[in-house]
Amino acid sequence: MGVLTGAVGATAYGLHCPEATAAFVATWYALGVLLCGAVGALTGRYALRW
């Protein structure tokens, strides 16, 4: 779920950000998506426990 959230956030940001160089997109968008995925993996284990 965290990776989906990161991807949606990156897409929304990408639609409004004038910066579109390949290095910027590859670095910062990937880091943002991976960070959201890591946080979701770490917290989801405890937050979604039934």
N, C-alpha and C. Protein backbone atom coordinates (compact mmCIF):
# COMPACT_ATOMS: atom_id res chain seq x y z
N MET A 1 0.82 -1.19 0.00
CA MET A 1 0.00 0.00 0.00
C MET A 1 0.87 1.26 0.00
N GLY A 2 2.02 1.19 0.66
CA GLY A 2 2.91 2.34 0.70
C GLY A 2 3.47 2.70 -0.66
N VAL A 3 3.79 1.69 -1.47
CA VAL A 3 4.33 1.96 -2.80
C VAL A 3 3.25 2.59 -3.68
N LEU A 4 2.02 2.14 -3.55
CA LEU A 4 0.91 2.74 -4.31
C LEU A 4 0.73 4.20 -3.92
N THR A 5 0.79 4.48 -2.63
CA THR A 5 0.67 5.85 -2.15
C THR A 5 1.81 6.71 -2.69
N GLY A 6 3.01 6.20 -2.65
CA GLY A 6 4.15 6.94 -3.19
C GLY A 6 4.03 7.18 -4.68
N ALA A 7 3.55 6.20 -5.41
CA ALA A 7 3.39 6.35 -6.85
C ALA A 7 2.32 7.38 -7.19
N VAL A 8 1.22 7.37 -6.47
CA VAL A 8 0.16 8.36 -6.71
C VAL A 8 0.67 9.76 -6.36
N GLY A 9 1.39 9.88 -5.26
CA GLY A 9 1.96 11.17 -4.89
C GLY A 9 2.96 11.68 -5.90
N ALA A 10 3.81 10.78 -6.39
CA ALA A 10 4.80 11.17 -7.40
C ALA A 10 4.12 11.58 -8.70
N THR A 11 3.06 10.90 -9.06
CA THR A 11 2.32 11.25 -10.27
C THR A 11 1.68 12.62 -10.14
N ALA A 12 1.02 12.86 -9.00
CA ALA A 12 0.39 14.16 -8.78
C ALA A 12 1.43 15.28 -8.78
N TYR A 13 2.57 15.04 -8.13
CA TYR A 13 3.62 16.04 -8.10
C TYR A 13 4.20 16.25 -9.50
N GLY A 14 4.37 15.17 -10.24
CA GLY A 14 4.93 15.26 -11.58
C GLY A 14 4.06 16.05 -12.55
N LEU A 15 2.77 16.04 -12.34
CA LEU A 15 1.87 16.79 -13.20
C LEU A 15 1.99 18.30 -12.99
N HIS A 16 2.49 18.72 -11.84
CA HIS A 16 2.56 20.14 -11.52
C HIS A 16 3.98 20.68 -11.43
N CYS A 17 4.97 19.82 -11.45
CA CYS A 17 6.36 20.26 -11.29
C CYS A 17 6.97 20.54 -12.66
N PRO A 18 7.58 21.71 -12.82
CA PRO A 18 8.20 22.03 -14.11
C PRO A 18 9.52 21.31 -14.34
N GLU A 19 10.12 20.75 -13.31
CA GLU A 19 11.40 20.05 -13.43
C GLU A 19 11.14 18.67 -14.04
N ALA A 20 11.73 18.37 -15.18
CA ALA A 20 11.46 17.11 -15.86
C ALA A 20 12.72 16.45 -16.41
N THR A 21 13.88 16.78 -15.85
CA THR A 21 15.09 16.13 -16.33
C THR A 21 15.12 14.68 -15.88
N ALA A 22 15.76 13.85 -16.64
CA ALA A 22 15.78 12.41 -16.35
C ALA A 22 16.45 12.11 -15.02
N ALA A 23 17.53 12.81 -14.71
CA ALA A 23 18.23 12.56 -13.45
C ALA A 23 17.36 12.93 -12.25
N PHE A 24 16.64 14.04 -12.32
CA PHE A 24 15.76 14.46 -11.23
C PHE A 24 14.65 13.45 -11.03
N VAL A 25 14.00 13.07 -12.09
CA VAL A 25 12.89 12.13 -12.00
C VAL A 25 13.37 10.77 -11.49
N ALA A 26 14.44 10.27 -12.05
CA ALA A 26 14.94 8.95 -11.66
C ALA A 26 15.39 8.92 -10.20
N THR A 27 15.97 9.98 -9.74
CA THR A 27 16.49 10.01 -8.38
C THR A 27 15.40 10.29 -7.35
N TRP A 28 14.78 11.44 -7.44
CA TRP A 28 13.88 11.88 -6.38
C TRP A 28 12.53 11.18 -6.39
N TYR A 29 11.99 10.88 -7.56
CA TYR A 29 10.70 10.18 -7.59
C TYR A 29 10.88 8.76 -7.08
N ALA A 30 11.95 8.10 -7.51
CA ALA A 30 12.20 6.73 -7.05
C ALA A 30 12.44 6.70 -5.54
N LEU A 31 13.20 7.64 -5.02
CA LEU A 31 13.44 7.69 -3.58
C LEU A 31 12.15 7.95 -2.81
N GLY A 32 11.31 8.81 -3.33
CA GLY A 32 10.02 9.09 -2.67
C GLY A 32 9.12 7.87 -2.64
N VAL A 33 9.04 7.16 -3.73
CA VAL A 33 8.21 5.96 -3.79
C VAL A 33 8.78 4.87 -2.89
N LEU A 34 10.09 4.68 -2.91
CA LEU A 34 10.71 3.66 -2.06
C LEU A 34 10.57 4.00 -0.58
N LEU A 35 10.69 5.27 -0.24
CA LEU A 35 10.53 5.68 1.16
C LEU A 35 9.10 5.40 1.64
N CYS A 36 8.12 5.75 0.84
CA CYS A 36 6.73 5.45 1.21
C CYS A 36 6.51 3.96 1.33
N GLY A 37 7.10 3.18 0.45
CA GLY A 37 6.97 1.73 0.53
C GLY A 37 7.61 1.16 1.78
N ALA A 38 8.77 1.69 2.16
CA ALA A 38 9.45 1.22 3.37
C ALA A 38 8.66 1.57 4.62
N VAL A 39 8.15 2.79 4.67
CA VAL A 39 7.35 3.19 5.83
C VAL A 39 6.08 2.35 5.91
N GLY A 40 5.45 2.11 4.77
CA GLY A 40 4.25 1.26 4.75
C GLY A 40 4.55 -0.16 5.17
N ALA A 41 5.68 -0.69 4.77
CA ALA A 41 6.04 -2.06 5.14
C ALA A 41 6.34 -2.17 6.63
N LEU A 42 6.98 -1.16 7.18
CA LEU A 42 7.33 -1.19 8.60
C LEU A 42 6.13 -0.93 9.50
N THR A 43 5.32 0.05 9.16
CA THR A 43 4.19 0.38 10.02
C THR A 43 2.96 -0.46 9.73
N GLY A 44 2.82 -0.91 8.49
CA GLY A 44 1.66 -1.71 8.14
C GLY A 44 1.61 -3.04 8.88
N ARG A 45 2.76 -3.58 9.19
CA ARG A 45 2.84 -4.84 9.92
C ARG A 45 2.15 -4.73 11.28
N TYR A 46 2.28 -3.55 11.92
CA TYR A 46 1.71 -3.36 13.24
C TYR A 46 0.33 -2.71 13.17
N ALA A 47 0.15 -1.79 12.26
CA ALA A 47 -1.11 -1.05 12.17
C ALA A 47 -2.24 -1.92 11.61
N LEU A 48 -1.90 -2.88 10.78
CA LEU A 48 -2.93 -3.70 10.14
C LEU A 48 -3.08 -5.08 10.80
N ARG A 49 -2.44 -5.28 11.92
CA ARG A 49 -2.54 -6.55 12.62
C ARG A 49 -3.94 -6.68 13.24
N TRP A 50 -4.54 -7.82 13.03
CA TRP A 50 -5.89 -8.03 13.56
C TRP A 50 -5.77 -8.76 14.83
